[in-house]
Amino acid sequence: MTALAARGPEITPGTRLVCVDGLAGAGKTTLAERLREAWADAGADVAVVHLDDLYEGWTGLLDVGRTVLREVVDPLAAGRDGQARRWDWIEGGWRGHVRVPRCAVVILEGCGSAPRGVDDVAALVVRVVAPDDVRLARGIARDGEALEASWRAFMADEATLEAREGTTARADVVLDERGAVVRWGGGRPWPDRVHGPPAS
């Protein structure tokens, strides 16, 4: 996937944007870390932005796309660093900021990281999916049974977001929870799309 991203557009000279979107508990964070390591091993400066820091708690998913575009994508496209408010999950309020530096690769990781507004500027959009029962079991194992209702509400918001954004259809590659390819080739508009695995 790093080879595929290298064929995508730069959001600003010297910087490529990669969006690792998908469902909670599907494996997005693990994938983003693997991509970061691959680019770092190749000598590239890489920044990873976790959308968990940008949601306004459990109910912030449906609005996070505007934050991504306004506070991350638009500044980067204008040649500036991005800066977004950081949500404190312990205190339940906004505390400090997440700085998004211009560097070789900026990875946005999290559900809602690829709103339609990234289509012309993202070098790569990845969608990670998994069955609901698998995701819910992972979430409860991580966060505890007391948060099951919050997880179920978030999953309902995920369905609403997918219906609005069509991210699965737009993604350049869709992966399952094991990292296996479900589909190559999406519906984003930039030219020379790769509708299959990139040549090695």
Protein backbone atom coordinates (compact mmCIF):
# COMPACT_ATOMS: atom_id res chain seq x y z
CA MET A 1 0.00 0.00 0.00
CA THR A 2 2.92 2.35 0.48
CA ALA A 3 3.69 1.88 -3.23
CA LEU A 4 0.09 2.71 -4.11
CA ALA A 5 0.16 5.85 -1.96
CA ALA A 6 3.36 7.01 -3.66
CA ARG A 7 1.42 7.17 -6.95
CA GLY A 8 -1.25 9.39 -5.43
CA PRO A 9 -1.35 13.18 -5.37
CA GLU A 10 0.44 15.34 -2.85
CA ILE A 11 -1.85 17.43 -0.66
CA THR A 12 0.90 20.07 -0.68
CA PRO A 13 4.40 19.83 -2.19
CA GLY A 14 6.35 17.19 -0.27
CA THR A 15 3.38 15.88 1.74
CA ARG A 16 0.99 13.00 1.06
CA LEU A 17 -2.19 12.36 3.02
CA VAL A 18 -3.22 8.78 3.82
CA CYS A 19 -6.62 8.05 5.40
CA VAL A 20 -7.09 4.79 7.30
CA ASP A 21 -10.83 4.84 7.76
CA GLY A 22 -13.09 2.03 8.89
CA LEU A 23 -15.07 0.55 11.72
CA ALA A 24 -14.29 0.67 15.42
CA GLY A 25 -12.52 -2.50 16.52
CA ALA A 26 -11.65 -3.57 12.97
CA GLY A 27 -7.88 -3.01 13.20
CA LYS A 28 -7.30 0.52 11.90
CA THR A 29 -4.79 1.51 14.57
CA THR A 30 -2.69 -1.61 13.97
CA LEU A 31 -2.67 -0.98 10.22
CA ALA A 32 -1.76 2.70 10.67
CA GLU A 33 1.19 1.72 12.85
CA ARG A 34 2.41 -0.79 10.26
CA LEU A 35 2.22 1.86 7.55
CA ARG A 36 4.04 4.34 9.76
CA GLU A 37 6.81 1.84 10.39
CA ALA A 38 7.13 1.04 6.68
CA TRP A 39 7.53 4.70 5.71
CA ALA A 40 9.81 5.45 8.65
CA ASP A 41 12.01 2.48 7.75
CA ALA A 42 12.28 3.97 4.27
CA GLY A 43 13.52 7.23 5.79
CA ALA A 44 10.33 9.28 5.53
CA ASP A 45 9.03 11.64 8.20
CA VAL A 46 5.59 10.39 9.21
CA ALA A 47 2.88 11.83 11.46
CA VAL A 48 -0.11 9.80 12.67
CA VAL A 49 -3.28 11.56 13.79
CA HIS A 50 -5.74 9.39 15.73
CA LEU A 51 -9.32 10.55 15.36
CA ASP A 52 -10.09 9.26 18.85
CA ASP A 53 -8.46 12.53 19.95
CA LEU A 54 -10.81 14.59 17.76
CA TYR A 55 -14.23 13.09 18.55
CA GLU A 56 -16.32 14.98 21.05
CA GLY A 57 -16.70 11.83 23.11
CA TRP A 58 -18.90 8.91 22.11
CA THR A 59 -21.35 11.17 20.29
CA GLY A 60 -18.83 13.07 18.17
CA LEU A 61 -18.47 10.75 15.19
CA LEU A 62 -21.02 12.33 12.86
CA ASP A 63 -19.39 15.77 13.15
CA VAL A 64 -15.73 14.75 12.99
CA GLY A 65 -15.52 15.01 9.19
CA ARG A 66 -15.92 18.78 9.38
CA THR A 67 -13.12 18.91 11.94
CA VAL A 68 -10.87 16.80 9.71
CA LEU A 69 -11.42 19.08 6.74
CA ARG A 70 -11.31 22.43 8.56
CA GLU A 71 -8.49 21.81 11.03
CA VAL A 72 -6.31 19.24 9.28
CA VAL A 73 -6.90 18.96 5.52
CA ASP A 74 -7.45 22.63 4.65
CA PRO A 75 -4.35 23.90 6.50
CA LEU A 76 -2.15 21.16 5.00
CA ALA A 77 -3.47 21.91 1.51
CA ALA A 78 -2.59 25.57 2.09
CA GLY A 79 0.98 24.62 3.07
CA ARG A 80 0.50 25.12 6.81
CA ASP A 81 0.57 22.79 9.80
CA GLY A 82 -2.81 21.63 11.00
CA GLN A 83 -4.03 21.95 14.57
CA ALA A 84 -7.16 20.40 16.07
CA ARG A 85 -8.68 20.44 19.52
CA ARG A 86 -8.00 17.32 21.60
CA TRP A 87 -10.80 15.59 23.52
CA ASP A 88 -9.96 14.39 27.02
CA TRP A 89 -11.89 11.14 27.52
CA ILE A 90 -11.16 11.09 31.24
CA GLU A 91 -12.26 14.64 32.03
CA GLY A 92 -14.96 14.72 29.36
CA GLY A 93 -13.95 17.97 27.70
CA TRP A 94 -11.58 19.63 25.27
CA ARG A 95 -8.01 19.85 26.58
CA GLY A 96 -5.14 21.14 24.49
CA HIS A 97 -4.52 20.53 20.80
CA VAL A 98 -3.25 17.93 18.36
CA ARG A 99 -0.60 19.42 16.08
CA VAL A 100 -0.47 18.02 12.55
CA PRO A 101 2.92 18.84 11.03
CA ARG A 102 3.64 19.03 7.34
CA CYS A 103 5.88 16.04 6.64
CA ALA A 104 6.36 13.39 3.98
CA VAL A 105 3.30 11.37 5.05
CA VAL A 106 0.39 12.35 7.28
CA ILE A 107 -1.75 9.36 8.30
CA LEU A 108 -5.27 10.08 9.54
CA GLU A 109 -6.50 7.01 11.46
CA GLY A 110 -10.05 6.52 12.63
CA CYS A 111 -13.65 6.18 11.64
CA GLY A 112 -14.59 9.29 9.67
CA SER A 113 -11.03 10.10 8.60
CA ALA A 114 -11.94 10.06 4.89
CA PRO A 115 -14.91 12.38 4.33
CA ARG A 116 -15.74 13.10 0.70
CA GLY A 117 -13.75 16.33 0.90
CA VAL A 118 -10.46 14.39 0.87
CA ASP A 119 -11.11 12.79 -2.52
CA ASP A 120 -9.03 15.24 -4.55
CA VAL A 121 -6.10 15.43 -2.14
CA ALA A 122 -5.63 12.07 -0.37
CA ALA A 123 -2.94 9.84 -1.85
CA LEU A 124 -4.58 6.74 -0.39
CA VAL A 125 -7.88 5.90 1.30
CA VAL A 126 -8.05 2.55 3.10
CA ARG A 127 -11.25 1.14 4.57
CA VAL A 128 -10.99 -1.53 7.29
CA VAL A 129 -14.09 -3.60 8.01
CA ALA A 130 -15.08 -6.44 10.33
CA PRO A 131 -18.28 -8.18 11.47
CA ASP A 132 -20.21 -6.33 14.15
CA ASP A 133 -19.99 -9.18 16.64
CA VAL A 134 -16.21 -9.32 16.33
CA ARG A 135 -15.90 -5.58 16.77
CA LEU A 136 -18.24 -5.42 19.74
CA ALA A 137 -16.42 -8.27 21.47
CA ARG A 138 -13.09 -6.51 20.96
CA GLY A 139 -14.51 -3.24 22.24
CA ILE A 140 -15.98 -4.74 25.39
CA ALA A 141 -12.77 -6.68 26.06
CA ARG A 142 -10.82 -3.41 25.82
CA ASP A 143 -13.22 -0.95 27.46
CA GLY A 144 -15.35 -3.09 29.76
CA GLU A 145 -18.98 -4.22 29.77
CA ALA A 146 -20.10 -0.93 31.32
CA LEU A 147 -19.49 0.75 27.95
CA GLU A 148 -21.44 -1.74 25.81
CA ALA A 149 -24.32 0.72 25.30
CA SER A 150 -21.86 3.42 24.20
CA TRP A 151 -20.28 1.00 21.76
CA ARG A 152 -23.65 0.07 20.29
CA ALA A 153 -24.63 3.72 19.89
CA PHE A 154 -21.29 4.48 18.20
CA MET A 155 -21.80 1.54 15.84
CA ALA A 156 -25.22 2.93 14.89
CA ASP A 157 -23.56 6.27 14.12
CA GLU A 158 -21.00 4.41 11.99
CA ALA A 159 -23.83 3.05 9.84
CA THR A 160 -25.28 6.54 9.47
CA LEU A 161 -21.87 7.92 8.51
CA GLU A 162 -21.29 5.19 5.92
CA ALA A 163 -24.67 5.88 4.34
CA ARG A 164 -23.76 9.56 4.10
CA GLU A 165 -20.13 9.31 2.97
CA GLY A 166 -20.05 6.03 1.02
CA THR A 167 -16.51 5.43 2.21
CA THR A 168 -16.45 1.71 1.41
CA ALA A 169 -17.26 2.36 -2.25
CA ARG A 170 -14.80 5.26 -2.48
CA ALA A 171 -11.83 3.56 -0.80
CA ASP A 172 -8.80 2.60 -2.86
CA VAL A 173 -8.54 -0.67 -0.94
CA VAL A 174 -10.86 -2.41 1.54
CA LEU A 175 -9.34 -4.77 4.11
CA ASP A 176 -10.93 -7.14 6.61
CA GLU A 177 -10.04 -7.48 10.30
CA ARG A 178 -7.18 -9.87 9.46
CA GLY A 179 -5.65 -7.46 6.96
CA ALA A 180 -6.79 -9.49 3.94
CA VAL A 181 -7.85 -7.55 0.84
CA VAL A 182 -11.61 -7.49 0.30
CA ARG A 183 -11.46 -5.23 -2.75
CA TRP A 184 -9.00 -3.12 -4.71
CA GLY A 185 -10.04 -0.02 -6.62
CA GLY A 186 -12.42 2.68 -5.48
CA GLY A 187 -14.45 5.49 -6.93
CA ARG A 188 -12.27 8.49 -6.16
CA PRO A 189 -11.64 10.85 -9.09
CA TRP A 190 -7.90 11.40 -9.38
CA PRO A 191 -6.40 9.95 -12.58
CA ASP A 192 -4.44 6.73 -13.07
CA ARG A 193 -6.30 4.83 -10.36
CA VAL A 194 -4.82 1.45 -9.59
CA HIS A 195 -7.60 -1.15 -9.81
CA GLY A 196 -5.51 -3.94 -8.42
CA PRO A 197 -2.43 -4.46 -6.32
CA PRO A 198 0.48 -2.19 -7.36
CA ALA A 199 3.32 -3.77 -9.22
CA SER A 200 6.22 -4.68 -6.94
